[in-house]
């Protein structure tokens, strides 16, 4: 996650929290609690439905699970094929001296 994405995530979370506090103050705590109960039940059912779908979809997957794909760019080093990995006093990766 990049630092820009992290800032957007924290900013969005903070804005949502402030909006929920303002709604709670505007509606009053009792009405806000009832609304939160309804929203919690809705998202709970949505999560359970999604989980059941994922379980059923995993059983119908002929490959047995997700595949791992390794892609490399121009500036990347593939340490799995060719270069040495030394763990010890020097803690070096590859052929660096």
C-alpha atoms as a PDB file:
ATOM      1  CA  UNK A   1       0.000   0.000   0.000  1.00  0.00           C
ATOM      2  CA  UNK A   2       1.442   3.326  -0.996  1.00  0.00           C
ATOM      3  CA  UNK A   3       1.537   6.297   1.333  1.00  0.00           C
ATOM      4  CA  UNK A   4      -1.071   8.096  -0.780  1.00  0.00           C
ATOM      5  CA  UNK A   5      -3.459   5.129  -0.523  1.00  0.00           C
ATOM      6  CA  UNK A   6      -2.824   4.990   3.227  1.00  0.00           C
ATOM      7  CA  UNK A   7      -3.686   8.692   3.573  1.00  0.00           C
ATOM      8  CA  UNK A   8      -6.888   8.217   1.570  1.00  0.00           C
ATOM      9  CA  UNK A   9      -7.857   5.209   3.710  1.00  0.00           C
ATOM     10  CA  UNK A  10      -7.256   7.023   7.006  1.00  0.00           C
ATOM     11  CA  UNK A  11      -8.932  10.201   5.744  1.00  0.00           C
ATOM     12  CA  UNK A  12     -11.980   8.281   4.560  1.00  0.00           C
ATOM     13  CA  UNK A  13     -12.201   6.385   7.839  1.00  0.00           C
ATOM     14  CA  UNK A  14     -11.952   9.602   9.839  1.00  0.00           C
ATOM     15  CA  UNK A  15     -14.585  11.310   7.666  1.00  0.00           C
ATOM     16  CA  UNK A  16     -16.947   8.344   8.050  1.00  0.00           C
ATOM     17  CA  UNK A  17     -16.448   8.345  11.816  1.00  0.00           C
ATOM     18  CA  UNK A  18     -17.155  12.070  12.073  1.00  0.00           C
ATOM     19  CA  UNK A  19     -20.237  11.689   9.859  1.00  0.00           C
ATOM     20  CA  UNK A  20     -21.539   8.893  12.089  1.00  0.00           C
ATOM     21  CA  UNK A  21     -21.005  11.035  15.198  1.00  0.00           C
ATOM     22  CA  UNK A  22     -22.874  13.945  13.610  1.00  0.00           C
ATOM     23  CA  UNK A  23     -25.762  11.660  12.580  1.00  0.00           C
ATOM     24  CA  UNK A  24     -25.890  10.214  16.105  1.00  0.00           C
ATOM     25  CA  UNK A  25     -26.062  13.668  17.657  1.00  0.00           C
ATOM     26  CA  UNK A  26     -28.685  14.816  15.146  1.00  0.00           C
ATOM     27  CA  UNK A  27     -30.951  11.771  15.558  1.00  0.00           C
ATOM     28  CA  UNK A  28     -30.390  11.253  19.243  1.00  0.00           C
ATOM     29  CA  UNK A  29     -28.725   8.209  20.718  1.00  0.00           C
ATOM     30  CA  UNK A  30     -31.861   6.044  20.863  1.00  0.00           C
ATOM     31  CA  UNK A  31     -32.798   6.466  17.198  1.00  0.00           C
ATOM     32  CA  UNK A  32     -29.157   6.168  16.151  1.00  0.00           C
ATOM     33  CA  UNK A  33     -28.925   2.887  18.081  1.00  0.00           C
ATOM     34  CA  UNK A  34     -31.998   1.512  16.317  1.00  0.00           C
ATOM     35  CA  UNK A  35     -30.621   2.585  12.942  1.00  0.00           C
ATOM     36  CA  UNK A  36     -27.245   0.983  13.754  1.00  0.00           C
ATOM     37  CA  UNK A  37     -29.003  -2.268  14.664  1.00  0.00           C
ATOM     38  CA  UNK A  38     -30.800  -2.348  11.325  1.00  0.00           C
ATOM     39  CA  UNK A  39     -27.612  -1.490   9.408  1.00  0.00           C
ATOM     40  CA  UNK A  40     -25.650  -4.131  11.365  1.00  0.00           C
ATOM     41  CA  UNK A  41     -28.235  -6.799  10.577  1.00  0.00           C
ATOM     42  CA  UNK A  42     -28.184  -5.854   6.886  1.00  0.00           C
ATOM     43  CA  UNK A  43     -24.390  -6.000   6.629  1.00  0.00           C
ATOM     44  CA  UNK A  44     -24.321  -9.222   8.658  1.00  0.00           C
ATOM     45  CA  UNK A  45     -26.710 -10.892   6.218  1.00  0.00           C
ATOM     46  CA  UNK A  46     -24.744  -9.498   3.296  1.00  0.00           C
ATOM     47  CA  UNK A  47     -21.486 -10.885   4.731  1.00  0.00           C
ATOM     48  CA  UNK A  48     -23.034 -14.299   5.419  1.00  0.00           C
ATOM     49  CA  UNK A  49     -24.430 -14.437   1.882  1.00  0.00           C
ATOM     50  CA  UNK A  50     -21.056 -13.540   0.409  1.00  0.00           C
ATOM     51  CA  UNK A  51     -19.316 -16.141   2.579  1.00  0.00           C
ATOM     52  CA  UNK A  52     -21.711 -18.903   1.514  1.00  0.00           C
ATOM     53  CA  UNK A  53     -21.220 -17.901  -2.126  1.00  0.00           C
ATOM     54  CA  UNK A  54     -17.447 -18.111  -1.716  1.00  0.00           C
ATOM     55  CA  UNK A  55     -17.666 -21.553  -0.110  1.00  0.00           C
ATOM     56  CA  UNK A  56     -19.889 -22.872  -2.879  1.00  0.00           C
ATOM     57  CA  UNK A  57     -17.703 -21.308  -5.572  1.00  0.00           C
ATOM     58  CA  UNK A  58     -14.537 -22.875  -4.087  1.00  0.00           C
ATOM     59  CA  UNK A  59     -16.073 -26.343  -4.373  1.00  0.00           C
ATOM     60  CA  UNK A  60     -16.802 -25.818  -8.078  1.00  0.00           C
ATOM     61  CA  UNK A  61     -13.279 -24.571  -8.851  1.00  0.00           C
ATOM     62  CA  UNK A  62     -11.475 -27.330 -10.822  1.00  0.00           C
ATOM     63  CA  UNK A  63      -7.976 -25.908 -10.232  1.00  0.00           C
ATOM     64  CA  UNK A  64      -8.209 -26.385  -6.483  1.00  0.00           C
ATOM     65  CA  UNK A  65      -7.464 -22.802  -5.506  1.00  0.00           C
ATOM     66  CA  UNK A  66      -5.901 -19.570  -6.641  1.00  0.00           C
ATOM     67  CA  UNK A  67      -2.801 -19.624  -8.807  1.00  0.00           C
ATOM     68  CA  UNK A  68       0.351 -17.781  -7.890  1.00  0.00           C
ATOM     69  CA  UNK A  69       1.857 -15.776 -10.716  1.00  0.00           C
ATOM     70  CA  UNK A  70       5.214 -14.082 -10.544  1.00  0.00           C
ATOM     71  CA  UNK A  71       5.786 -11.188 -12.859  1.00  0.00           C
ATOM     72  CA  UNK A  72       8.971  -9.205 -13.040  1.00  0.00           C
ATOM     73  CA  UNK A  73       9.752  -5.803 -14.403  1.00  0.00           C
ATOM     74  CA  UNK A  74      12.873  -4.314 -15.945  1.00  0.00           C
ATOM     75  CA  UNK A  75      14.524  -3.447 -12.617  1.00  0.00           C
ATOM     76  CA  UNK A  76      13.628  -6.574 -10.656  1.00  0.00           C
ATOM     77  CA  UNK A  77      15.913  -9.410  -9.618  1.00  0.00           C
ATOM     78  CA  UNK A  78      14.575 -12.940  -9.447  1.00  0.00           C
ATOM     79  CA  UNK A  79      16.244 -14.427  -6.371  1.00  0.00           C
ATOM     80  CA  UNK A  80      14.682 -17.833  -6.970  1.00  0.00           C
ATOM     81  CA  UNK A  81      16.635 -18.646 -10.106  1.00  0.00           C
ATOM     82  CA  UNK A  82      20.324 -17.994 -10.399  1.00  0.00           C
ATOM     83  CA  UNK A  83      21.328 -15.615  -7.624  1.00  0.00           C
ATOM     84  CA  UNK A  84      22.612 -16.716  -4.246  1.00  0.00           C
ATOM     85  CA  UNK A  85      20.931 -15.974  -0.951  1.00  0.00           C
ATOM     86  CA  UNK A  86      23.338 -15.645   1.950  1.00  0.00           C
ATOM     87  CA  UNK A  87      21.937 -15.304   5.441  1.00  0.00           C
ATOM     88  CA  UNK A  88      24.544 -14.960   8.129  1.00  0.00           C
ATOM     89  CA  UNK A  89      27.023 -12.330   9.240  1.00  0.00           C
ATOM     90  CA  UNK A  90      26.786 -10.239   6.070  1.00  0.00           C
ATOM     91  CA  UNK A  91      23.031 -10.643   5.328  1.00  0.00           C
ATOM     92  CA  UNK A  92      23.452 -10.264   1.550  1.00  0.00           C
ATOM     93  CA  UNK A  93      21.045 -10.939  -1.262  1.00  0.00           C
ATOM     94  CA  UNK A  94      22.341 -11.938  -4.674  1.00  0.00           C
ATOM     95  CA  UNK A  95      25.899 -11.431  -5.918  1.00  0.00           C
ATOM     96  CA  UNK A  96      26.533  -8.102  -4.197  1.00  0.00           C
ATOM     97  CA  UNK A  97      29.949  -7.835  -2.544  1.00  0.00           C
END
